[in-house]
Amino acid sequence: MQSIEAGGPDKPPMRGKSFNPFEMSPARKLEPMTSAARAALSRLALGAGQAIRDERLRRRWSMADLAVRAGVAIGVVHRVEAGDTASLESYARLGAALGLRPTLEFADSRARRS
């Protein structure tokens, strides 16, 4: 049986681990998030949570109303509106229930604004 070293030209090697065609490859450990990435994630979560909360209140729905319409637990609504991170599916469900079109944008922070 031929062993293949994990990793490749575009992936960091996984030291001391190998896999073969008959076994699953080992899981990679996530690297700690940089402060810039953590700040970006917080901004995204806060912005999405605020937009969802604003629309829910505009419609005069309770958190329970939104949870039922979105097919999520009320705790998900509460956490999202509080600015905690959630799964993309949760954001999509909540946004769709409220008739919002979710967008995710990446802008070059070095670009000049007109």
C-alpha atoms as a PDB file:
ATOM      1  CA  MET A   1       0.000   0.000   0.000  1.00  0.00           C
ATOM      2  CA  GLN A   2       1.436   3.375  -1.024  1.00  0.00           C
ATOM      3  CA  SER A   3       1.428   6.139   1.562  1.00  0.00           C
ATOM      4  CA  ILE A   4       1.056   9.748   0.441  1.00  0.00           C
ATOM      5  CA  GLU A   5       2.416  12.553   2.601  1.00  0.00           C
ATOM      6  CA  ALA A   6      -0.326  15.027   3.479  1.00  0.00           C
ATOM      7  CA  GLY A   7      -0.039  18.509   2.089  1.00  0.00           C
ATOM      8  CA  GLY A   8       1.056  19.613  -1.343  1.00  0.00           C
ATOM      9  CA  PRO A   9       2.398  22.626  -3.177  1.00  0.00           C
ATOM     10  CA  ASP A  10      -0.567  24.783  -2.098  1.00  0.00           C
ATOM     11  CA  LYS A  11      -1.161  23.236   1.344  1.00  0.00           C
ATOM     12  CA  PRO A  12       1.084  23.162   4.371  1.00  0.00           C
ATOM     13  CA  PRO A  13       2.419  19.717   5.269  1.00  0.00           C
ATOM     14  CA  MET A  14       0.957  17.863   8.203  1.00  0.00           C
ATOM     15  CA  ARG A  15       3.943  16.659  10.144  1.00  0.00           C
ATOM     16  CA  GLY A  16       4.107  13.003  11.061  1.00  0.00           C
ATOM     17  CA  LYS A  17       0.746  12.211   9.481  1.00  0.00           C
ATOM     18  CA  SER A  18       0.050  10.363   6.307  1.00  0.00           C
ATOM     19  CA  PHE A  19      -2.972   8.832   4.673  1.00  0.00           C
ATOM     20  CA  ASN A  20      -3.725   6.287   2.019  1.00  0.00           C
ATOM     21  CA  PRO A  21      -6.584   5.680  -0.420  1.00  0.00           C
ATOM     22  CA  PHE A  22      -8.392   3.461   2.101  1.00  0.00           C
ATOM     23  CA  GLU A  23      -8.429   5.815   5.092  1.00  0.00           C
ATOM     24  CA  MET A  24      -9.598   9.379   5.668  1.00  0.00           C
ATOM     25  CA  SER A  25      -6.987  12.084   5.681  1.00  0.00           C
ATOM     26  CA  PRO A  26      -6.207  13.582   9.090  1.00  0.00           C
ATOM     27  CA  ALA A  27      -7.926  16.809  10.094  1.00  0.00           C
ATOM     28  CA  ARG A  28      -5.953  20.021  10.042  1.00  0.00           C
ATOM     29  CA  LYS A  29      -5.805  22.182  13.108  1.00  0.00           C
ATOM     30  CA  LEU A  30      -7.075  25.681  12.537  1.00  0.00           C
ATOM     31  CA  GLU A  31      -4.530  28.403  13.020  1.00  0.00           C
ATOM     32  CA  PRO A  32      -5.431  31.082  15.575  1.00  0.00           C
ATOM     33  CA  MET A  33      -7.387  33.944  14.017  1.00  0.00           C
ATOM     34  CA  THR A  34      -5.458  37.163  13.488  1.00  0.00           C
ATOM     35  CA  SER A  35      -6.705  40.288  15.231  1.00  0.00           C
ATOM     36  CA  ALA A  36      -7.641  41.782  11.841  1.00  0.00           C
ATOM     37  CA  ALA A  37      -9.688  38.703  10.915  1.00  0.00           C
ATOM     38  CA  ARG A  38     -11.345  38.664  14.354  1.00  0.00           C
ATOM     39  CA  ALA A  39     -12.254  42.366  13.977  1.00  0.00           C
ATOM     40  CA  ALA A  40     -13.666  41.769  10.487  1.00  0.00           C
ATOM     41  CA  LEU A  41     -15.756  38.849  11.746  1.00  0.00           C
ATOM     42  CA  SER A  42     -17.109  40.999  14.578  1.00  0.00           C
ATOM     43  CA  ARG A  43     -18.014  43.811  12.166  1.00  0.00           C
ATOM     44  CA  LEU A  44     -19.845  41.380   9.879  1.00  0.00           C
ATOM     45  CA  ALA A  45     -21.733  39.749  12.753  1.00  0.00           C
ATOM     46  CA  LEU A  46     -22.675  43.081  14.345  1.00  0.00           C
ATOM     47  CA  GLY A  47     -23.858  44.563  11.054  1.00  0.00           C
ATOM     48  CA  ALA A  48     -25.921  41.527  10.129  1.00  0.00           C
ATOM     49  CA  GLY A  49     -27.400  41.271  13.613  1.00  0.00           C
ATOM     50  CA  GLN A  50     -28.374  44.936  13.632  1.00  0.00           C
ATOM     51  CA  ALA A  51     -29.998  44.714  10.177  1.00  0.00           C
ATOM     52  CA  ILE A  52     -31.970  41.629  11.213  1.00  0.00           C
ATOM     53  CA  ARG A  53     -33.066  43.228  14.492  1.00  0.00           C
ATOM     54  CA  ASP A  54     -34.067  46.499  12.785  1.00  0.00           C
ATOM     55  CA  GLU A  55     -36.206  44.691  10.210  1.00  0.00           C
ATOM     56  CA  ARG A  56     -37.780  42.404  12.823  1.00  0.00           C
ATOM     57  CA  LEU A  57     -38.763  45.408  14.936  1.00  0.00           C
ATOM     58  CA  ARG A  58     -40.011  47.314  11.883  1.00  0.00           C
ATOM     59  CA  ARG A  59     -42.349  44.397  11.197  1.00  0.00           C
ATOM     60  CA  ARG A  60     -43.293  44.262  14.892  1.00  0.00           C
ATOM     61  CA  TRP A  61     -42.380  40.591  15.118  1.00  0.00           C
ATOM     62  CA  SER A  62     -41.197  38.995  18.318  1.00  0.00           C
ATOM     63  CA  MET A  63     -38.021  36.944  18.366  1.00  0.00           C
ATOM     64  CA  ALA A  64     -40.239  33.865  18.624  1.00  0.00           C
ATOM     65  CA  ASP A  65     -42.182  34.935  15.503  1.00  0.00           C
ATOM     66  CA  LEU A  66     -38.960  35.289  13.519  1.00  0.00           C
ATOM     67  CA  ALA A  67     -37.561  32.006  14.837  1.00  0.00           C
ATOM     68  CA  VAL A  68     -40.656  30.098  13.733  1.00  0.00           C
ATOM     69  CA  ARG A  69     -40.754  31.746  10.304  1.00  0.00           C
ATOM     70  CA  ALA A  70     -37.020  31.150   9.770  1.00  0.00           C
ATOM     71  CA  GLY A  71     -37.023  27.592  11.117  1.00  0.00           C
ATOM     72  CA  VAL A  72     -34.379  28.277  13.769  1.00  0.00           C
ATOM     73  CA  ALA A  73     -34.324  28.225  17.556  1.00  0.00           C
ATOM     74  CA  ILE A  74     -35.169  31.442  19.367  1.00  0.00           C
ATOM     75  CA  GLY A  75     -31.662  31.351  20.847  1.00  0.00           C
ATOM     76  CA  VAL A  76     -30.223  31.708  17.338  1.00  0.00           C
ATOM     77  CA  VAL A  77     -32.251  34.888  16.808  1.00  0.00           C
ATOM     78  CA  HIS A  78     -31.134  36.237  20.164  1.00  0.00           C
ATOM     79  CA  ARG A  79     -27.443  35.486  19.551  1.00  0.00           C
ATOM     80  CA  VAL A  80     -27.476  36.899  16.002  1.00  0.00           C
ATOM     81  CA  GLU A  81     -29.187  40.109  17.113  1.00  0.00           C
ATOM     82  CA  ALA A  82     -26.648  40.424  19.939  1.00  0.00           C
ATOM     83  CA  GLY A  83     -23.853  40.398  17.353  1.00  0.00           C
ATOM     84  CA  ASP A  84     -22.557  36.901  18.025  1.00  0.00           C
ATOM     85  CA  THR A  85     -21.345  34.922  15.029  1.00  0.00           C
ATOM     86  CA  ALA A  86     -23.623  32.287  13.541  1.00  0.00           C
ATOM     87  CA  SER A  87     -23.575  29.936  10.591  1.00  0.00           C
ATOM     88  CA  LEU A  88     -24.165  31.289   7.106  1.00  0.00           C
ATOM     89  CA  GLU A  89     -27.278  29.115   7.010  1.00  0.00           C
ATOM     90  CA  SER A  90     -28.673  30.892  10.073  1.00  0.00           C
ATOM     91  CA  TYR A  91     -28.075  34.322   8.537  1.00  0.00           C
ATOM     92  CA  ALA A  92     -29.635  33.153   5.262  1.00  0.00           C
ATOM     93  CA  ARG A  93     -32.705  31.720   7.005  1.00  0.00           C
ATOM     94  CA  LEU A  94     -33.262  34.831   9.105  1.00  0.00           C
ATOM     95  CA  GLY A  95     -32.716  37.168   6.179  1.00  0.00           C
ATOM     96  CA  ALA A  96     -35.028  35.203   3.901  1.00  0.00           C
ATOM     97  CA  ALA A  97     -37.769  35.140   6.529  1.00  0.00           C
ATOM     98  CA  LEU A  98     -37.531  38.927   6.737  1.00  0.00           C
ATOM     99  CA  GLY A  99     -37.317  39.436   2.971  1.00  0.00           C
ATOM    100  CA  LEU A 100     -33.746  40.723   3.223  1.00  0.00           C
ATOM    101  CA  ARG A 101     -31.132  39.964   0.585  1.00  0.00           C
ATOM    102  CA  PRO A 102     -27.881  39.104   2.312  1.00  0.00           C
ATOM    103  CA  THR A 103     -24.650  40.339   0.754  1.00  0.00           C
ATOM    104  CA  LEU A 104     -21.020  39.844   1.661  1.00  0.00           C
ATOM    105  CA  GLU A 105     -18.559  42.334   0.256  1.00  0.00           C
ATOM    106  CA  PHE A 106     -14.800  42.531   0.271  1.00  0.00           C
ATOM    107  CA  ALA A 107     -13.286  45.934  -0.385  1.00  0.00           C
ATOM    108  CA  ASP A 108      -9.666  46.920  -0.634  1.00  0.00           C
ATOM    109  CA  SER A 109      -9.060  49.050   2.448  1.00  0.00           C
ATOM    110  CA  ARG A 110      -6.248  50.816   0.584  1.00  0.00           C
ATOM    111  CA  ALA A 111      -8.529  51.993  -2.227  1.00  0.00           C
ATOM    112  CA  ARG A 112      -9.472  55.659  -2.231  1.00  0.00           C
ATOM    113  CA  ARG A 113     -13.064  56.523  -1.663  1.00  0.00           C
ATOM    114  CA  SER A 114     -14.619  59.077  -3.997  1.00  0.00           C
END
